[in-house]
N, C-alpha and C. Protein backbone atom coordinates (compact mmCIF):
# COMPACT_ATOMS: atom_id res chain seq x y z
N MET A 1 132.65 157.65 140.06
CA MET A 1 131.29 157.67 139.71
C MET A 1 131.05 157.26 138.26
N PHE A 2 130.17 156.45 137.93
CA PHE A 2 129.94 155.95 136.59
C PHE A 2 128.66 156.59 135.86
N LEU A 3 128.83 157.21 134.78
CA LEU A 3 127.67 157.81 134.25
C LEU A 3 127.33 157.08 132.97
N MET A 4 125.98 156.75 132.88
CA MET A 4 125.56 155.99 131.48
C MET A 4 125.47 157.09 130.51
N PRO A 5 125.83 156.76 129.26
CA PRO A 5 125.60 157.70 128.15
C PRO A 5 124.08 157.71 127.94
N SER A 6 123.63 158.89 127.44
CA SER A 6 122.27 159.09 127.35
C SER A 6 121.80 158.56 126.01
N THR A 7 120.75 157.87 125.94
CA THR A 7 120.14 157.28 124.66
C THR A 7 118.80 157.78 124.49
N ASN A 8 118.58 157.96 123.16
CA ASN A 8 117.13 158.58 122.89
C ASN A 8 116.31 157.30 122.64
N ILE A 9 115.21 157.18 123.58
CA ILE A 9 114.44 156.09 123.37
C ILE A 9 113.08 156.70 122.93
N SER A 10 112.57 156.13 121.87
CA SER A 10 111.27 156.60 121.39
C SER A 10 110.30 155.58 121.64
N VAL A 11 109.19 155.99 122.05
CA VAL A 11 108.01 155.10 122.46
C VAL A 11 107.02 155.24 121.28
N VAL A 12 106.84 154.10 120.58
CA VAL A 12 105.88 154.17 119.43
C VAL A 12 104.59 153.44 119.94
N PRO A 13 103.50 154.18 119.93
CA PRO A 13 102.28 153.64 120.41
C PRO A 13 101.79 152.44 119.61
N ALA A 14 101.02 151.51 120.18
CA ALA A 14 100.60 150.45 119.54
C ALA A 14 99.42 150.78 118.70
N PRO A 15 99.32 150.17 117.49
CA PRO A 15 98.16 150.47 116.56
C PRO A 15 96.77 150.24 117.32
N ALA A 16 95.87 151.06 117.16
CA ALA A 16 94.49 150.94 117.72
C ALA A 16 93.74 149.81 117.16
N ALA A 17 92.99 149.18 117.95
CA ALA A 17 92.22 148.07 117.54
C ALA A 17 91.18 148.47 116.44
N THR A 18 90.55 149.64 116.73
CA THR A 18 89.62 150.11 115.78
C THR A 18 90.11 151.36 115.12
N PRO A 19 89.91 151.61 113.97
CA PRO A 19 90.44 152.73 113.24
C PRO A 19 89.70 154.02 113.91
N VAL A 20 90.58 154.90 114.17
CA VAL A 20 90.13 156.12 114.75
C VAL A 20 90.18 157.35 113.60
N LEU A 21 89.22 158.10 113.58
CA LEU A 21 89.13 159.12 112.54
C LEU A 21 90.16 160.15 112.98
N GLU A 22 90.54 160.90 112.08
CA GLU A 22 91.52 161.97 112.35
C GLU A 22 90.82 163.02 113.22
N ASP A 23 91.56 163.97 113.81
CA ASP A 23 91.07 164.96 114.60
C ASP A 23 90.12 165.95 113.73
N PRO A 24 88.97 165.93 114.20
CA PRO A 24 88.01 166.82 113.36
C PRO A 24 88.22 168.28 113.29
N VAL A 25 89.07 168.72 114.33
CA VAL A 25 89.33 170.15 114.42
C VAL A 25 90.32 170.55 113.20
N PRO A 26 89.89 171.49 112.42
CA PRO A 26 90.82 171.85 111.34
C PRO A 26 92.19 172.42 111.80
N ALA A 27 93.22 172.13 111.02
CA ALA A 27 94.48 172.59 111.35
C ALA A 27 94.59 174.03 111.49
N ASP A 28 93.88 174.88 110.77
CA ASP A 28 93.90 176.33 110.82
C ASP A 28 93.31 176.80 112.18
N VAL A 29 92.22 176.15 112.70
CA VAL A 29 91.57 176.37 113.96
C VAL A 29 92.48 176.03 115.13
N LEU A 30 93.34 174.82 115.02
CA LEU A 30 94.36 174.59 115.96
C LEU A 30 95.36 175.69 115.95
N ALA A 31 95.86 176.20 114.80
CA ALA A 31 96.75 177.27 114.78
C ALA A 31 96.28 178.48 115.54
N VAL A 32 95.01 178.83 115.24
CA VAL A 32 94.32 180.00 115.95
C VAL A 32 94.36 179.82 117.48
N ILE A 33 94.12 178.57 117.94
CA ILE A 33 94.18 178.31 119.39
C ILE A 33 95.50 178.49 119.92
N GLU A 34 96.53 178.02 119.25
CA GLU A 34 97.92 178.19 119.78
C GLU A 34 98.33 179.59 119.65
N LEU A 35 97.81 180.30 118.66
CA LEU A 35 98.08 181.83 118.56
C LEU A 35 97.61 182.52 119.85
N LEU A 36 96.31 182.25 119.99
CA LEU A 36 95.62 182.90 121.25
C LEU A 36 96.09 182.41 122.58
N ALA A 37 96.73 181.21 122.71
CA ALA A 37 97.31 180.69 123.83
C ALA A 37 98.72 181.08 124.06
N GLY A 38 99.35 181.43 122.91
CA GLY A 38 100.79 181.99 123.00
C GLY A 38 100.98 183.37 122.94
N PRO A 39 101.31 183.92 121.76
CA PRO A 39 101.72 185.32 121.70
C PRO A 39 100.37 186.27 121.88
N LEU A 40 99.27 185.88 121.88
CA LEU A 40 98.01 186.70 122.27
C LEU A 40 97.43 186.36 123.60
N ALA A 41 98.18 185.63 124.44
CA ALA A 41 97.62 185.18 125.63
C ALA A 41 97.15 186.37 126.52
N LYS A 42 97.72 187.49 126.53
CA LYS A 42 97.39 188.60 127.29
C LYS A 42 96.41 189.57 126.74
N VAL A 43 96.17 189.22 125.48
CA VAL A 43 95.13 190.15 124.79
C VAL A 43 93.79 189.43 124.81
N SER A 44 92.83 190.38 125.03
CA SER A 44 91.48 189.84 125.10
C SER A 44 90.57 190.32 123.95
N PHE A 45 89.80 189.44 123.52
CA PHE A 45 88.75 189.68 122.44
C PHE A 45 87.39 189.47 123.05
N PRO A 46 86.36 190.16 122.53
CA PRO A 46 85.05 189.83 123.06
C PRO A 46 84.61 188.46 122.74
N GLU A 47 84.37 187.65 123.73
CA GLU A 47 83.78 186.28 123.74
C GLU A 47 84.70 185.26 122.92
N VAL A 48 85.89 185.63 122.70
CA VAL A 48 86.85 184.68 122.00
C VAL A 48 88.09 184.69 122.71
N ASP A 49 88.45 183.50 123.09
CA ASP A 49 89.79 183.28 123.71
C ASP A 49 90.27 181.97 123.58
N ALA A 50 91.49 181.58 123.96
CA ALA A 50 91.94 180.16 123.75
C ALA A 50 91.06 179.16 124.41
N GLY A 51 90.67 179.60 125.65
CA GLY A 51 89.83 178.55 126.43
C GLY A 51 88.42 178.28 125.71
N SER A 52 87.80 179.28 125.11
CA SER A 52 86.54 179.01 124.61
C SER A 52 86.77 178.21 123.25
N LEU A 53 87.71 178.47 122.47
CA LEU A 53 88.05 177.70 121.30
C LEU A 53 88.42 176.31 121.65
N ARG A 54 89.24 176.07 122.76
CA ARG A 54 89.58 174.79 123.17
C ARG A 54 88.19 173.90 123.66
N LYS A 55 87.28 174.67 124.20
CA LYS A 55 85.98 174.00 124.69
C LYS A 55 85.24 173.60 123.46
N GLN A 56 85.11 174.52 122.48
CA GLN A 56 84.34 174.18 121.28
C GLN A 56 85.17 172.93 120.44
N ALA A 57 86.39 172.96 120.55
CA ALA A 57 87.11 171.82 119.74
C ALA A 57 86.84 170.47 120.47
N GLU A 58 86.83 170.53 121.83
CA GLU A 58 86.50 169.31 122.62
C GLU A 58 85.08 168.91 122.34
N GLU A 59 84.14 169.75 122.30
CA GLU A 59 82.76 169.48 121.86
C GLU A 59 82.71 168.87 120.50
N LEU A 60 83.53 169.41 119.65
CA LEU A 60 83.53 168.77 118.13
C LEU A 60 84.11 167.37 118.37
N ARG A 61 85.09 167.09 119.06
CA ARG A 61 85.66 165.68 119.24
C ARG A 61 84.57 164.86 119.88
N ALA A 62 83.93 165.40 120.91
CA ALA A 62 82.89 164.49 121.40
C ALA A 62 81.78 164.18 120.44
N GLU A 63 81.43 165.13 119.54
CA GLU A 63 80.38 164.70 118.47
C GLU A 63 80.93 163.70 117.58
N LEU A 64 82.28 163.86 117.33
CA LEU A 64 82.91 162.75 116.43
C LEU A 64 82.77 161.34 117.05
N ARG A 65 83.03 161.28 118.44
CA ARG A 65 82.85 160.15 119.12
C ARG A 65 81.31 159.63 119.11
N ASN A 66 80.38 160.48 119.12
CA ASN A 66 78.90 160.08 118.96
C ASN A 66 78.78 159.62 117.46
N VAL A 67 79.32 160.27 116.50
CA VAL A 67 79.28 159.61 115.18
C VAL A 67 79.74 158.35 115.03
N GLU A 68 80.94 158.22 115.51
CA GLU A 68 81.61 156.86 115.48
C GLU A 68 80.68 155.74 116.10
N ARG A 69 80.17 155.98 117.32
CA ARG A 69 79.29 155.06 117.98
C ARG A 69 78.00 154.89 117.19
N ALA A 70 77.38 155.90 116.60
CA ALA A 70 76.33 155.71 115.76
C ALA A 70 76.62 154.89 114.51
N GLN A 71 77.74 155.08 113.94
CA GLN A 71 78.09 154.23 112.76
C GLN A 71 78.24 152.77 113.17
N GLU A 72 78.89 152.51 114.27
CA GLU A 72 78.93 151.14 114.81
C GLU A 72 77.61 150.53 115.04
N ALA A 73 76.75 151.28 115.61
CA ALA A 73 75.36 150.84 115.85
C ALA A 73 74.68 150.54 114.50
N LEU A 74 74.87 151.49 113.58
CA LEU A 74 74.20 151.25 112.27
C LEU A 74 74.71 150.00 111.56
N GLU A 75 76.11 149.72 111.61
CA GLU A 75 76.56 148.58 110.94
C GLU A 75 76.06 147.33 111.72
N ALA A 76 75.93 147.33 112.97
CA ALA A 76 75.46 146.17 113.80
C ALA A 76 73.97 145.89 113.37
N ALA A 77 73.20 147.07 113.22
CA ALA A 77 71.81 146.94 112.89
C ALA A 77 71.70 146.38 111.37
N GLN A 78 72.61 146.79 110.53
CA GLN A 78 72.46 146.34 109.18
C GLN A 78 72.90 144.90 109.07
N ALA A 79 73.76 144.49 109.85
CA ALA A 79 74.12 142.93 109.93
C ALA A 79 73.00 142.19 110.47
N ALA A 80 72.35 142.66 111.53
CA ALA A 80 71.16 141.90 112.13
C ALA A 80 69.98 141.81 111.04
N PHE A 81 69.87 142.94 110.26
CA PHE A 81 68.82 143.09 109.32
C PHE A 81 69.09 141.98 108.15
N ALA A 82 70.23 141.91 107.80
CA ALA A 82 70.77 140.98 106.68
C ALA A 82 70.51 139.59 107.20
N ASP A 83 70.84 139.36 108.52
CA ASP A 83 70.69 137.97 109.02
C ASP A 83 69.18 137.56 109.09
N ARG A 84 68.40 138.58 109.54
CA ARG A 84 66.94 138.28 109.55
C ARG A 84 66.47 138.05 108.14
N ARG A 85 66.82 138.73 107.19
CA ARG A 85 66.34 138.68 105.75
C ARG A 85 66.63 137.31 105.33
N THR A 86 67.99 136.86 105.54
CA THR A 86 68.42 135.58 105.11
C THR A 86 67.51 134.40 105.78
N ALA A 87 67.36 134.62 107.00
CA ALA A 87 66.45 133.58 107.81
C ALA A 87 65.04 133.62 107.16
N LEU A 88 64.52 134.75 106.89
CA LEU A 88 63.17 134.84 106.39
C LEU A 88 63.16 134.20 105.02
N SER A 89 64.05 134.32 104.21
CA SER A 89 64.14 133.69 102.79
C SER A 89 64.20 132.24 102.97
N GLY A 90 65.16 131.81 103.94
CA GLY A 90 65.18 130.35 104.17
C GLY A 90 63.93 129.60 104.63
N THR A 91 63.17 130.43 105.54
CA THR A 91 61.87 129.84 106.03
C THR A 91 60.98 129.84 104.78
N ALA A 92 60.86 130.89 103.96
CA ALA A 92 59.95 130.87 102.90
C ALA A 92 60.29 129.80 101.89
N SER A 93 61.53 129.61 101.63
CA SER A 93 61.88 128.52 100.65
C SER A 93 61.57 127.18 101.19
N ARG A 94 61.62 126.97 102.63
CA ARG A 94 61.23 125.69 103.22
C ARG A 94 59.65 125.50 103.00
N ALA A 95 58.97 126.72 103.15
CA ALA A 95 57.46 126.52 103.07
C ALA A 95 57.08 126.27 101.60
N VAL A 96 57.75 126.76 100.62
CA VAL A 96 57.42 126.44 99.15
C VAL A 96 57.71 125.06 98.96
N ALA A 97 58.81 124.40 99.49
CA ALA A 97 59.21 123.15 99.39
C ALA A 97 58.07 122.19 100.04
N TYR A 98 57.61 122.60 101.15
CA TYR A 98 56.52 121.83 101.74
C TYR A 98 55.31 121.92 101.02
N ALA A 99 55.01 123.16 100.50
CA ALA A 99 53.82 123.28 99.47
C ALA A 99 53.84 122.47 98.15
N ARG A 100 55.09 122.37 97.75
CA ARG A 100 55.19 121.52 96.50
C ARG A 100 54.97 120.15 96.69
N ILE A 101 55.38 119.57 97.80
CA ILE A 101 55.15 118.24 98.25
C ILE A 101 53.59 118.02 98.40
N TYR A 102 52.97 118.97 99.19
CA TYR A 102 51.54 118.89 99.32
C TYR A 102 50.73 118.93 98.01
N SER A 103 51.27 119.86 97.10
CA SER A 103 50.55 119.98 95.83
C SER A 103 50.82 118.72 95.05
N GLU A 104 51.87 117.96 95.05
CA GLU A 104 52.10 116.71 94.30
C GLU A 104 51.19 115.61 94.94
N ALA A 105 50.96 115.75 96.18
CA ALA A 105 50.06 114.58 96.84
C ALA A 105 48.48 114.97 96.56
N HIS A 106 48.15 116.22 96.12
CA HIS A 106 46.92 116.60 95.83
C HIS A 106 46.78 117.16 94.45
N PRO A 107 46.78 116.42 93.35
CA PRO A 107 46.91 116.90 91.93
C PRO A 107 45.56 117.56 91.63
N ASP A 108 44.54 117.37 92.38
CA ASP A 108 43.18 118.11 92.03
C ASP A 108 43.23 119.48 92.36
N ARG A 109 44.25 120.00 93.10
CA ARG A 109 44.23 121.49 93.43
C ARG A 109 45.09 122.19 92.42
N THR A 110 44.37 122.50 91.37
CA THR A 110 45.12 123.16 90.32
C THR A 110 45.58 124.62 90.57
N ALA A 111 44.68 125.28 91.38
CA ALA A 111 45.00 126.68 91.72
C ALA A 111 46.34 126.71 92.49
N LEU A 112 46.60 125.68 93.42
CA LEU A 112 47.70 125.61 94.21
C LEU A 112 49.02 125.31 93.26
N ALA A 113 48.85 124.50 92.36
CA ALA A 113 49.89 124.17 91.42
C ALA A 113 50.33 125.35 90.65
N GLU A 114 49.25 126.11 90.24
CA GLU A 114 49.61 127.47 89.37
C GLU A 114 50.27 128.39 90.25
N ALA A 115 49.87 128.60 91.48
CA ALA A 115 50.55 129.58 92.36
C ALA A 115 51.89 129.15 92.72
N LEU A 116 52.31 127.88 92.78
CA LEU A 116 53.62 127.39 93.02
C LEU A 116 54.43 127.64 91.74
N ALA A 117 53.81 127.47 90.46
CA ALA A 117 54.51 127.73 89.28
C ALA A 117 54.91 129.05 89.08
N ALA A 118 53.91 130.01 89.52
CA ALA A 118 54.28 131.42 89.44
C ALA A 118 55.36 131.82 90.33
N LEU A 119 55.49 131.17 91.53
CA LEU A 119 56.54 131.53 92.46
C LEU A 119 57.88 131.25 91.91
N SER A 120 57.97 130.13 91.11
CA SER A 120 59.32 129.75 90.57
C SER A 120 59.60 130.41 89.15
N ALA A 121 58.62 131.13 88.65
CA ALA A 121 58.85 131.79 87.39
C ALA A 121 59.88 132.93 87.62
N PRO A 122 60.81 133.04 86.54
CA PRO A 122 61.75 134.16 86.74
C PRO A 122 61.11 135.48 86.88
N LYS A 123 61.62 136.39 87.69
CA LYS A 123 61.18 137.79 87.84
C LYS A 123 61.94 138.74 86.92
N PRO A 124 61.34 139.75 86.36
CA PRO A 124 62.13 140.68 85.57
C PRO A 124 62.97 141.55 86.49
N ALA A 125 64.16 141.96 85.98
CA ALA A 125 65.08 142.86 86.84
C ALA A 125 64.57 144.18 86.85
N ALA A 126 64.14 144.61 88.05
CA ALA A 126 63.71 145.81 88.27
C ALA A 126 64.85 146.99 88.31
N ALA A 127 66.07 146.43 88.69
CA ALA A 127 67.21 147.40 88.86
C ALA A 127 67.59 147.88 87.51
N ALA A 128 67.37 147.28 86.35
CA ALA A 128 67.95 147.53 85.05
C ALA A 128 67.04 148.70 84.52
N SER A 129 65.85 148.94 85.00
CA SER A 129 65.04 149.82 84.42
C SER A 129 65.54 151.35 84.67
N PRO A 130 65.61 152.12 83.55
CA PRO A 130 66.13 153.49 83.82
C PRO A 130 65.03 154.47 84.18
N LEU A 131 63.91 153.92 84.50
CA LEU A 131 62.75 154.80 84.98
C LEU A 131 62.80 154.90 86.35
N THR A 132 62.38 156.10 86.77
CA THR A 132 62.17 156.49 88.19
C THR A 132 60.81 155.77 88.73
N PRO A 133 60.50 155.79 89.94
CA PRO A 133 59.20 155.30 90.52
C PRO A 133 58.02 155.99 89.84
N ASN A 134 58.20 157.34 89.47
CA ASN A 134 57.15 157.94 88.79
C ASN A 134 56.97 157.76 87.32
N GLY A 135 57.88 156.88 86.79
CA GLY A 135 57.70 156.52 85.33
C GLY A 135 58.59 157.45 84.42
N LYS A 136 59.24 158.35 84.93
CA LYS A 136 59.97 159.43 84.00
C LYS A 136 61.51 158.89 83.98
N ARG A 137 62.08 159.09 82.78
CA ARG A 137 63.49 158.69 82.58
C ARG A 137 64.33 159.76 83.27
N ARG A 138 65.55 159.46 83.80
CA ARG A 138 66.43 160.51 84.37
C ARG A 138 67.66 160.40 83.45
N GLY A 139 68.25 161.62 83.60
CA GLY A 139 69.45 161.80 82.92
C GLY A 139 69.26 162.30 81.53
N ARG A 140 70.35 162.37 80.75
CA ARG A 140 70.38 162.91 79.33
C ARG A 140 69.63 161.98 78.44
N PRO A 141 68.99 162.44 77.29
CA PRO A 141 68.42 161.66 76.31
C PRO A 141 69.56 160.86 75.68
N PRO A 142 69.21 159.72 75.00
CA PRO A 142 70.22 158.96 74.25
C PRO A 142 70.64 159.72 73.10
N ARG A 143 72.02 159.54 72.74
CA ARG A 143 72.51 160.21 71.60
C ARG A 143 72.00 159.71 70.29
N ARG A 144 71.67 160.48 69.30
CA ARG A 144 71.17 159.84 68.06
C ARG A 144 72.35 159.66 67.06
N SER A 145 72.24 158.81 66.20
CA SER A 145 73.27 158.52 65.30
C SER A 145 73.10 159.66 64.14
N ALA A 146 74.31 160.13 63.85
CA ALA A 146 74.44 161.22 62.93
C ALA A 146 74.11 160.62 61.44
N GLU A 147 74.27 159.44 61.22
CA GLU A 147 74.17 158.84 59.86
C GLU A 147 72.59 159.00 59.49
N LEU A 148 71.76 158.81 60.52
CA LEU A 148 70.30 158.80 60.13
C LEU A 148 69.88 160.21 59.68
N PHE A 149 70.56 161.21 60.06
CA PHE A 149 70.17 162.66 59.51
C PHE A 149 70.97 163.11 58.39
N ASP A 150 72.10 162.55 58.19
CA ASP A 150 73.01 162.98 57.18
C ASP A 150 72.66 162.29 55.91
N ALA A 151 72.01 161.23 55.82
CA ALA A 151 71.71 160.45 54.56
C ALA A 151 70.86 161.27 53.64
N PRO A 152 71.18 161.45 52.37
CA PRO A 152 70.37 162.16 51.50
C PRO A 152 69.08 161.22 51.16
N PRO A 153 67.97 161.95 50.79
CA PRO A 153 66.82 161.11 50.44
C PRO A 153 67.07 160.17 49.23
N ALA A 154 66.50 159.03 49.26
CA ALA A 154 66.74 158.09 48.16
C ALA A 154 66.24 158.56 46.75
N ASP A 155 65.10 159.34 46.69
CA ASP A 155 64.61 159.79 45.46
C ASP A 155 65.23 161.12 45.04
N GLY A 156 65.85 161.81 45.93
CA GLY A 156 66.24 163.21 45.66
C GLY A 156 67.63 163.32 45.10
N PRO A 157 68.17 164.48 44.69
CA PRO A 157 69.41 164.71 44.17
C PRO A 157 70.51 164.57 45.37
N ALA A 158 71.60 164.12 44.96
CA ALA A 158 72.68 163.96 45.98
C ALA A 158 73.30 165.28 46.26
N ASP A 159 73.99 165.44 47.36
CA ASP A 159 74.65 166.62 47.87
C ASP A 159 75.59 167.20 46.77
N ALA A 160 75.57 168.46 46.53
CA ALA A 160 76.26 168.99 45.39
C ALA A 160 77.78 168.96 45.72
N THR A 161 78.16 169.07 46.98
CA THR A 161 79.61 169.18 47.31
C THR A 161 80.24 167.67 47.20
N ALA A 162 79.31 166.76 47.34
CA ALA A 162 79.87 165.29 47.38
C ALA A 162 80.07 164.99 45.84
N GLU A 163 79.25 165.45 44.93
CA GLU A 163 79.42 165.14 43.40
C GLU A 163 80.71 165.86 42.94
N SER A 164 80.96 167.06 43.39
CA SER A 164 82.00 167.78 42.78
C SER A 164 83.37 167.41 43.25
N GLU A 165 83.52 166.57 44.26
CA GLU A 165 84.88 166.12 44.71
C GLU A 165 85.28 164.86 43.97
């Protein structure tokens, strides 16, 4: 009789196509579940056992799957929104181009020419403003330079400690 030597074969799972978030159940809770399922399996506590904790852990994992699906839906909606915004901007640019051609063909319409000129004028950057929508500054006030406050008056006597050195 011929016996094959035993070999250890390890199966490595293929990487998932979509990134999976780690188990949402904290490690300490998993340890409590194992404790209640193992050494404390024959001990009963009011409304708490390994089964109830496992059920809550599975509910938490199901909620994580809901969150993942919602995130995917949000990303898809944001991409669709960006596509529509780009399409709208393109259509608006084409409309302005048509309007310019029309304006050039009708030089007597000065209001139209002024409106088109206003459309092509550079707009101030709103994001650079440190003001909030209600007009108030947020954050700390700017630091003041110490030299402005330390300088002696031009017509007054100089600091006595500076002269003695």
